[in-house]
Amino acid sequence: DKGIERLLADAGLGYVSLVELGNPFLGLPDWPDRYRRLLELAGDLLADRLAAVPAPYCLLCSEKRAADCHRRLIADHLAR
């Protein structure tokens, strides 16, 4: 009960960590291409995991710039 989980709980919001939605390619120069490929192959399975989370939900990230965040690729996949 610390960090972001505690802050959200204090505001009456739940927190669910889905490690499979992490970026296994972080640090590689071509990570966006690799993550897009992952979404092509397994995006629907990852979306199923999100579907099990009570709506509404928010994808959180610690990147300073949204352009550097793989969650935008997840959001794009969900939007399609």
PDB file of N, CA and C in Angstrom:
ATOM      1  N   ASP A   1       0.827  -1.205   0.000  1.00  0.00           N
ATOM      2  CA  ASP A   1       0.000   0.000   0.000  1.00  0.00           C
ATOM      3  C   ASP A   1       0.861   1.254   0.000  1.00  0.00           C
ATOM      4  N   LYS A   2       1.595   1.449  -1.096  1.00  0.00           N
ATOM      5  CA  LYS A   2       2.381   2.661  -1.219  1.00  0.00           C
ATOM      6  C   LYS A   2       2.430   3.088  -2.673  1.00  0.00           C
ATOM      7  N   GLY A   3       2.996   4.231  -2.935  1.00  0.00           N
ATOM      8  CA  GLY A   3       3.136   4.709  -4.303  1.00  0.00           C
ATOM      9  C   GLY A   3       1.807   5.012  -4.952  1.00  0.00           C
ATOM     10  N   ILE A   4       1.748   4.765  -6.252  1.00  0.00           N
ATOM     11  CA  ILE A   4       0.561   5.094  -7.034  1.00  0.00           C
ATOM     12  C   ILE A   4      -0.667   4.325  -6.556  1.00  0.00           C
ATOM     13  N   GLU A   5      -0.463   3.084  -6.139  1.00  0.00           N
ATOM     14  CA  GLU A   5      -1.583   2.280  -5.659  1.00  0.00           C
ATOM     15  C   GLU A   5      -2.241   2.934  -4.449  1.00  0.00           C
ATOM     16  N   ARG A   6      -1.441   3.432  -3.536  1.00  0.00           N
ATOM     17  CA  ARG A   6      -1.957   4.097  -2.329  1.00  0.00           C
ATOM     18  C   ARG A   6      -2.654   5.409  -2.688  1.00  0.00           C
ATOM     19  N   LEU A   7      -2.049   6.204  -3.555  1.00  0.00           N
ATOM     20  CA  LEU A   7      -2.656   7.469  -3.967  1.00  0.00           C
ATOM     21  C   LEU A   7      -4.018   7.252  -4.608  1.00  0.00           C
ATOM     22  N   LEU A   8      -4.109   6.265  -5.468  1.00  0.00           N
ATOM     23  CA  LEU A   8      -5.395   5.981  -6.112  1.00  0.00           C
ATOM     24  C   LEU A   8      -6.419   5.457  -5.111  1.00  0.00           C
ATOM     25  N   ALA A   9      -5.984   4.587  -4.220  1.00  0.00           N
ATOM     26  CA  ALA A   9      -6.888   4.049  -3.201  1.00  0.00           C
ATOM     27  C   ALA A   9      -7.436   5.176  -2.324  1.00  0.00           C
ATOM     28  N   ASP A  10      -6.588   6.122  -1.982  1.00  0.00           N
ATOM     29  CA  ASP A  10      -7.035   7.265  -1.180  1.00  0.00           C
ATOM     30  C   ASP A  10      -8.085   8.090  -1.904  1.00  0.00           C
ATOM     31  N   ALA A  11      -8.068   8.046  -3.241  1.00  0.00           N
ATOM     32  CA  ALA A  11      -9.052   8.773  -4.046  1.00  0.00           C
ATOM     33  C   ALA A  11     -10.254   7.895  -4.396  1.00  0.00           C
ATOM     34  N   GLY A  12     -10.283   6.659  -3.863  1.00  0.00           N
ATOM     35  CA  GLY A  12     -11.398   5.763  -4.127  1.00  0.00           C
ATOM     36  C   GLY A  12     -11.309   5.055  -5.467  1.00  0.00           C
ATOM     37  N   LEU A  13     -10.097   4.983  -6.031  1.00  0.00           N
ATOM     38  CA  LEU A  13      -9.901   4.332  -7.320  1.00  0.00           C
ATOM     39  C   LEU A  13      -9.108   3.053  -7.155  1.00  0.00           C
ATOM     40  N   GLY A  14      -9.412   2.067  -7.957  1.00  0.00           N
ATOM     41  CA  GLY A  14      -8.687   0.807  -7.917  1.00  0.00           C
ATOM     42  C   GLY A  14      -7.445   0.865  -8.793  1.00  0.00           C
ATOM     43  N   TYR A  15      -6.556  -0.073  -8.561  1.00  0.00           N
ATOM     44  CA  TYR A  15      -5.331  -0.167  -9.350  1.00  0.00           C
ATOM     45  C   TYR A  15      -5.086  -1.628  -9.678  1.00  0.00           C
ATOM     46  N   VAL A  16      -4.841  -1.911 -10.947  1.00  0.00           N
ATOM     47  CA  VAL A  16      -4.541  -3.265 -11.393  1.00  0.00           C
ATOM     48  C   VAL A  16      -3.268  -3.205 -12.225  1.00  0.00           C
ATOM     49  N   SER A  17      -2.294  -4.000 -11.859  1.00  0.00           N
ATOM     50  CA  SER A  17      -1.060  -4.082 -12.625  1.00  0.00           C
ATOM     51  C   SER A  17      -1.128  -5.314 -13.522  1.00  0.00           C
ATOM     52  N   LEU A  18      -0.956  -5.108 -14.805  1.00  0.00           N
ATOM     53  CA  LEU A  18      -0.942  -6.214 -15.760  1.00  0.00           C
ATOM     54  C   LEU A  18       0.450  -6.252 -16.384  1.00  0.00           C
ATOM     55  N   VAL A  19       1.311  -7.074 -15.816  1.00  0.00           N
ATOM     56  CA  VAL A  19       2.703  -7.100 -16.263  1.00  0.00           C
ATOM     57  C   VAL A  19       2.831  -7.498 -17.733  1.00  0.00           C
ATOM     58  N   GLU A  20       1.877  -8.259 -18.233  1.00  0.00           N
ATOM     59  CA  GLU A  20       1.950  -8.670 -19.638  1.00  0.00           C
ATOM     60  C   GLU A  20       1.736  -7.498 -20.598  1.00  0.00           C
ATOM     61  N   LEU A  21       1.278  -6.360 -20.080  1.00  0.00           N
ATOM     62  CA  LEU A  21       1.147  -5.163 -20.904  1.00  0.00           C
ATOM     63  C   LEU A  21       2.388  -4.287 -20.835  1.00  0.00           C
ATOM     64  N   GLY A  22       3.418  -4.767 -20.175  1.00  0.00           N
ATOM     65  CA  GLY A  22       4.685  -4.039 -20.118  1.00  0.00           C
ATOM     66  C   GLY A  22       5.390  -4.075 -21.466  1.00  0.00           C
ATOM     67  N   ASN A  23       6.534  -3.412 -21.515  1.00  0.00           N
ATOM     68  CA  ASN A  23       7.294  -3.346 -22.758  1.00  0.00           C
ATOM     69  C   ASN A  23       8.555  -4.186 -22.633  1.00  0.00           C
ATOM     70  N   PRO A  24       8.539  -5.425 -23.141  1.00  0.00           N
ATOM     71  CA  PRO A  24       9.726  -6.282 -23.045  1.00  0.00           C
ATOM     72  C   PRO A  24      10.877  -5.818 -23.941  1.00  0.00           C
ATOM     73  N   PHE A  25      10.612  -4.846 -24.792  1.00  0.00           N
ATOM     74  CA  PHE A  25      11.633  -4.369 -25.729  1.00  0.00           C
ATOM     75  C   PHE A  25      12.234  -3.030 -25.308  1.00  0.00           C
ATOM     76  N   LEU A  26      11.883  -2.571 -24.126  1.00  0.00           N
ATOM     77  CA  LEU A  26      12.377  -1.295 -23.617  1.00  0.00           C
ATOM     78  C   LEU A  26      13.897  -1.259 -23.691  1.00  0.00           C
ATOM     79  N   GLY A  27      14.427  -0.169 -24.181  1.00  0.00           N
ATOM     80  CA  GLY A  27      15.869  -0.027 -24.295  1.00  0.00           C
ATOM     81  C   GLY A  27      16.419  -0.379 -25.664  1.00  0.00           C
ATOM     82  N   LEU A  28      15.638  -1.090 -26.459  1.00  0.00           N
ATOM     83  CA  LEU A  28      16.074  -1.412 -27.822  1.00  0.00           C
ATOM     84  C   LEU A  28      15.701  -0.251 -28.749  1.00  0.00           C
ATOM     85  N   PRO A  29      16.574   0.117 -29.661  1.00  0.00           N
ATOM     86  CA  PRO A  29      16.283   1.267 -30.509  1.00  0.00           C
ATOM     87  C   PRO A  29      15.050   1.080 -31.399  1.00  0.00           C
ATOM     88  N   ASP A  30      14.723  -0.152 -31.731  1.00  0.00           N
ATOM     89  CA  ASP A  30      13.567  -0.406 -32.599  1.00  0.00           C
ATOM     90  C   ASP A  30      12.356  -0.912 -31.826  1.00  0.00           C
ATOM     91  N   TRP A  31      12.281  -0.540 -30.526  1.00  0.00           N
ATOM     92  CA  TRP A  31      11.194  -1.066 -29.704  1.00  0.00           C
ATOM     93  C   TRP A  31       9.806  -0.772 -30.269  1.00  0.00           C
ATOM     94  N   PRO A  32       9.526   0.404 -30.882  1.00  0.00           N
ATOM     95  CA  PRO A  32       8.158   0.614 -31.391  1.00  0.00           C
ATOM     96  C   PRO A  32       7.762  -0.416 -32.452  1.00  0.00           C
ATOM     97  N   ASP A  33       8.674  -0.723 -33.350  1.00  0.00           N
ATOM     98  CA  ASP A  33       8.367  -1.719 -34.381  1.00  0.00           C
ATOM     99  C   ASP A  33       8.147  -3.093 -33.767  1.00  0.00           C
ATOM    100  N   ARG A  34       8.999  -3.445 -32.819  1.00  0.00           N
ATOM    101  CA  ARG A  34       8.862  -4.743 -32.149  1.00  0.00           C
ATOM    102  C   ARG A  34       7.539  -4.824 -31.383  1.00  0.00           C
ATOM    103  N   TYR A  35       7.163  -3.730 -30.708  1.00  0.00           N
ATOM    104  CA  TYR A  35       5.919  -3.758 -29.930  1.00  0.00           C
ATOM    105  C   TYR A  35       4.703  -3.800 -30.855  1.00  0.00           C
ATOM    106  N   ARG A  36       4.771  -3.099 -31.980  1.00  0.00           N
ATOM    107  CA  ARG A  36       3.670  -3.191 -32.957  1.00  0.00           C
ATOM    108  C   ARG A  36       3.499  -4.627 -33.440  1.00  0.00           C
ATOM    109  N   ARG A  37       4.611  -5.297 -33.666  1.00  0.00           N
ATOM    110  CA  ARG A  37       4.563  -6.701 -34.113  1.00  0.00           C
ATOM    111  C   ARG A  37       3.939  -7.581 -33.037  1.00  0.00           C
ATOM    112  N   LEU A  38       4.325  -7.331 -31.779  1.00  0.00           N
ATOM    113  CA  LEU A  38       3.729  -8.066 -30.658  1.00  0.00           C
ATOM    114  C   LEU A  38       2.212  -7.870 -30.645  1.00  0.00           C
ATOM    115  N   LEU A  39       1.773  -6.644 -30.852  1.00  0.00           N
ATOM    116  CA  LEU A  39       0.336  -6.374 -30.870  1.00  0.00           C
ATOM    117  C   LEU A  39      -0.351  -7.045 -32.048  1.00  0.00           C
ATOM    118  N   GLU A  40       0.337  -7.123 -33.187  1.00  0.00           N
ATOM    119  CA  GLU A  40      -0.235  -7.831 -34.339  1.00  0.00           C
ATOM    120  C   GLU A  40      -0.453  -9.303 -34.010  1.00  0.00           C
ATOM    121  N   LEU A  41       0.493  -9.888 -33.282  1.00  0.00           N
ATOM    122  CA  LEU A  41       0.437 -11.319 -32.985  1.00  0.00           C
ATOM    123  C   LEU A  41      -0.426 -11.653 -31.768  1.00  0.00           C
ATOM    124  N   ALA A  42      -0.370 -10.808 -30.742  1.00  0.00           N
ATOM    125  CA  ALA A  42      -1.030 -11.150 -29.477  1.00  0.00           C
ATOM    126  C   ALA A  42      -1.894 -10.021 -28.916  1.00  0.00           C
ATOM    127  N   GLY A  43      -2.126  -8.983 -29.703  1.00  0.00           N
ATOM    128  CA  GLY A  43      -2.884  -7.835 -29.212  1.00  0.00           C
ATOM    129  C   GLY A  43      -4.263  -8.181 -28.705  1.00  0.00           C
ATOM    130  N   ASP A  44      -4.944  -9.105 -29.372  1.00  0.00           N
ATOM    131  CA  ASP A  44      -6.287  -9.476 -28.930  1.00  0.00           C
ATOM    132  C   ASP A  44      -6.252 -10.180 -27.579  1.00  0.00           C
ATOM    133  N   LEU A  45      -5.222 -10.979 -27.336  1.00  0.00           N
ATOM    134  CA  LEU A  45      -5.081 -11.626 -26.027  1.00  0.00           C
ATOM    135  C   LEU A  45      -4.829 -10.593 -24.937  1.00  0.00           C
ATOM    136  N   LEU A  46      -4.004  -9.595 -25.246  1.00  0.00           N
ATOM    137  CA  LEU A  46      -3.746  -8.531 -24.282  1.00  0.00           C
ATOM    138  C   LEU A  46      -5.008  -7.707 -24.041  1.00  0.00           C
ATOM    139  N   ALA A  47      -5.772  -7.457 -25.089  1.00  0.00           N
ATOM    140  CA  ALA A  47      -7.024  -6.715 -24.951  1.00  0.00           C
ATOM    141  C   ALA A  47      -8.018  -7.486 -24.092  1.00  0.00           C
ATOM    142  N   ASP A  48      -8.014  -8.804 -24.200  1.00  0.00           N
ATOM    143  CA  ASP A  48      -8.887  -9.620 -23.350  1.00  0.00           C
ATOM    144  C   ASP A  48      -8.573  -9.419 -21.877  1.00  0.00           C
ATOM    145  N   ARG A  49      -7.289  -9.282 -21.553  1.00  0.00           N
ATOM    146  CA  ARG A  49      -6.896  -9.031 -20.155  1.00  0.00           C
ATOM    147  C   ARG A  49      -7.454  -7.692 -19.684  1.00  0.00           C
ATOM    148  N   LEU A  50      -7.400  -6.682 -20.537  1.00  0.00           N
ATOM    149  CA  LEU A  50      -7.952  -5.380 -20.178  1.00  0.00           C
ATOM    150  C   LEU A  50      -9.468  -5.448 -20.033  1.00  0.00           C
ATOM    151  N   ALA A  51     -10.114  -6.261 -20.846  1.00  0.00           N
ATOM    152  CA  ALA A  51     -11.572  -6.378 -20.786  1.00  0.00           C
ATOM    153  C   ALA A  51     -12.036  -6.910 -19.434  1.00  0.00           C
ATOM    154  N   ALA A  52     -11.152  -7.621 -18.744  1.00  0.00           N
ATOM    155  CA  ALA A  52     -11.502  -8.159 -17.430  1.00  0.00           C
ATOM    156  C   ALA A  52     -11.413  -7.107 -16.330  1.00  0.00           C
ATOM    157  N   VAL A  53     -10.848  -5.953 -16.643  1.00  0.00           N
ATOM    158  CA  VAL A  53     -10.732  -4.862 -15.664  1.00  0.00           C
ATOM    159  C   VAL A  53     -12.009  -4.040 -15.721  1.00  0.00           C
ATOM    160  N   PRO A  54     -12.617  -3.758 -14.570  1.00  0.00           N
ATOM    161  CA  PRO A  54     -13.847  -2.962 -14.584  1.00  0.00           C
ATOM    162  C   PRO A  54     -13.621  -1.589 -15.228  1.00  0.00           C
ATOM    163  N   ALA A  55     -14.517  -1.217 -16.114  1.00  0.00           N
ATOM    164  CA  ALA A  55     -14.441   0.091 -16.780  1.00  0.00           C
ATOM    165  C   ALA A  55     -15.002   1.169 -15.859  1.00  0.00           C
ATOM    166  N   PRO A  56     -14.619   2.384 -16.059  1.00  0.00           N
ATOM    167  CA  PRO A  56     -13.598   2.836 -16.999  1.00  0.00           C
ATOM    168  C   PRO A  56     -12.208   2.569 -16.438  1.00  0.00           C
ATOM    169  N   TYR A  57     -11.245   2.522 -17.319  1.00  0.00           N
ATOM    170  CA  TYR A  57      -9.870   2.334 -16.871  1.00  0.00           C
ATOM    171  C   TYR A  57      -8.953   3.294 -17.614  1.00  0.00           C
ATOM    172  N   CYS A  58      -7.770   3.430 -17.078  1.00  0.00           N
ATOM    173  CA  CYS A  58      -6.779   4.345 -17.624  1.00  0.00           C
ATOM    174  C   CYS A  58      -5.449   3.610 -17.714  1.00  0.00           C
ATOM    175  N   LEU A  59      -4.762   3.773 -18.828  1.00  0.00           N
ATOM    176  CA  LEU A  59      -3.437   3.190 -18.983  1.00  0.00           C
ATOM    177  C   LEU A  59      -2.421   4.201 -18.468  1.00  0.00           C
ATOM    178  N   LEU A  60      -1.701   3.834 -17.426  1.00  0.00           N
ATOM    179  CA  LEU A  60      -0.720   4.740 -16.826  1.00  0.00           C
ATOM    180  C   LEU A  60       0.679   4.451 -17.338  1.00  0.00           C
ATOM    181  N   CYS A  61       1.495   5.483 -17.353  1.00  0.00           N
ATOM    182  CA  CYS A  61       2.869   5.346 -17.811  1.00  0.00           C
ATOM    183  C   CYS A  61       3.759   6.321 -17.053  1.00  0.00           C
ATOM    184  N   SER A  62       5.024   5.984 -16.965  1.00  0.00           N
ATOM    185  CA  SER A  62       5.970   6.859 -16.283  1.00  0.00           C
ATOM    186  C   SER A  62       6.905   7.579 -17.251  1.00  0.00           C
ATOM    187  N   GLU A  63       6.686   7.398 -18.550  1.00  0.00           N
ATOM    188  CA  GLU A  63       7.525   8.085 -19.538  1.00  0.00           C
ATOM    189  C   GLU A  63       7.290   9.590 -19.460  1.00  0.00           C
ATOM    190  N   LYS A  64       8.338  10.352 -19.667  1.00  0.00           N
ATOM    191  CA  LYS A  64       8.220  11.809 -19.648  1.00  0.00           C
ATOM    192  C   LYS A  64       7.511  12.330 -20.890  1.00  0.00           C
ATOM    193  N   ARG A  65       7.702  11.645 -22.013  1.00  0.00           N
ATOM    194  CA  ARG A  65       7.086  12.061 -23.271  1.00  0.00           C
ATOM    195  C   ARG A  65       6.151  10.963 -23.767  1.00  0.00           C
ATOM    196  N   ALA A  66       4.926  11.347 -24.123  1.00  0.00           N
ATOM    197  CA  ALA A  66       3.950  10.369 -24.614  1.00  0.00           C
ATOM    198  C   ALA A  66       4.464   9.636 -25.851  1.00  0.00           C
ATOM    199  N   ALA A  67       5.269  10.302 -26.659  1.00  0.00           N
ATOM    200  CA  ALA A  67       5.805   9.672 -27.867  1.00  0.00           C
ATOM    201  C   ALA A  67       6.734   8.505 -27.541  1.00  0.00           C
ATOM    202  N   ASP A  68       7.254   8.455 -26.324  1.00  0.00           N
ATOM    203  CA  ASP A  68       8.155   7.382 -25.911  1.00  0.00           C
ATOM    204  C   ASP A  68       7.432   6.249 -25.185  1.00  0.00           C
ATOM    205  N   CYS A  69       6.125   6.312 -25.125  1.00  0.00           N
ATOM    206  CA  CYS A  69       5.352   5.355 -24.333  1.00  0.00           C
ATOM    207  C   CYS A  69       4.714   4.272 -25.204  1.00  0.00           C
ATOM    208  N   HIS A  70       4.925   3.017 -24.818  1.00  0.00           N
ATOM    209  CA  HIS A  70       4.320   1.926 -25.580  1.00  0.00           C
ATOM    210  C   HIS A  70       2.813   1.842 -25.344  1.00  0.00           C
ATOM    211  N   ARG A  71       2.315   2.473 -24.299  1.00  0.00           N
ATOM    212  CA  ARG A  71       0.873   2.427 -24.017  1.00  0.00           C
ATOM    213  C   ARG A  71       0.074   3.110 -25.136  1.00  0.00           C
ATOM    214  N   ARG A  72       0.689   4.070 -25.816  1.00  0.00           N
ATOM    215  CA  ARG A  72      -0.016   4.691 -26.953  1.00  0.00           C
ATOM    216  C   ARG A  72      -0.269   3.662 -28.045  1.00  0.00           C
ATOM    217  N   LEU A  73       0.647   2.716 -28.187  1.00  0.00           N
ATOM    218  CA  LEU A  73       0.448   1.660 -29.178  1.00  0.00           C
ATOM    219  C   LEU A  73      -0.680   0.732 -28.743  1.00  0.00           C
ATOM    220  N   ILE A  74      -0.762   0.456 -27.446  1.00  0.00           N
ATOM    221  CA  ILE A  74      -1.880  -0.339 -26.919  1.00  0.00           C
ATOM    222  C   ILE A  74      -3.195   0.403 -27.152  1.00  0.00           C
ATOM    223  N   ALA A  75      -3.218   1.694 -26.861  1.00  0.00           N
ATOM    224  CA  ALA A  75      -4.430   2.490 -27.058  1.00  0.00           C
ATOM    225  C   ALA A  75      -4.848   2.491 -28.526  1.00  0.00           C
ATOM    226  N   ASP A  76      -3.890   2.629 -29.421  1.00  0.00           N
ATOM    227  CA  ASP A  76      -4.202   2.583 -30.855  1.00  0.00           C
ATOM    228  C   ASP A  76      -4.800   1.231 -31.228  1.00  0.00           C
ATOM    229  N   HIS A  77      -4.225   0.152 -30.693  1.00  0.00           N
ATOM    230  CA  HIS A  77      -4.744  -1.186 -30.982  1.00  0.00           C
ATOM    231  C   HIS A  77      -6.183  -1.322 -30.472  1.00  0.00           C
ATOM    232  N   LEU A  78      -6.434  -0.837 -29.273  1.00  0.00           N
ATOM    233  CA  LEU A  78      -7.788  -0.915 -28.706  1.00  0.00           C
ATOM    234  C   LEU A  78      -8.785  -0.093 -29.512  1.00  0.00           C
ATOM    235  N   ALA A  79      -8.336   1.060 -29.988  1.00  0.00           N
ATOM    236  CA  ALA A  79      -9.220   1.923 -30.769  1.00  0.00           C
ATOM    237  C   ALA A  79      -9.627   1.266 -32.093  1.00  0.00           C
ATOM    238  N   ARG A  80      -8.709   0.450 -32.648  1.00  0.00           N
ATOM    239  CA  ARG A  80      -9.028  -0.243 -33.897  1.00  0.00           C
ATOM    240  C   ARG A  80      -9.975  -1.380 -33.606  1.00  0.00           C
TER     241      ARG A  80
END
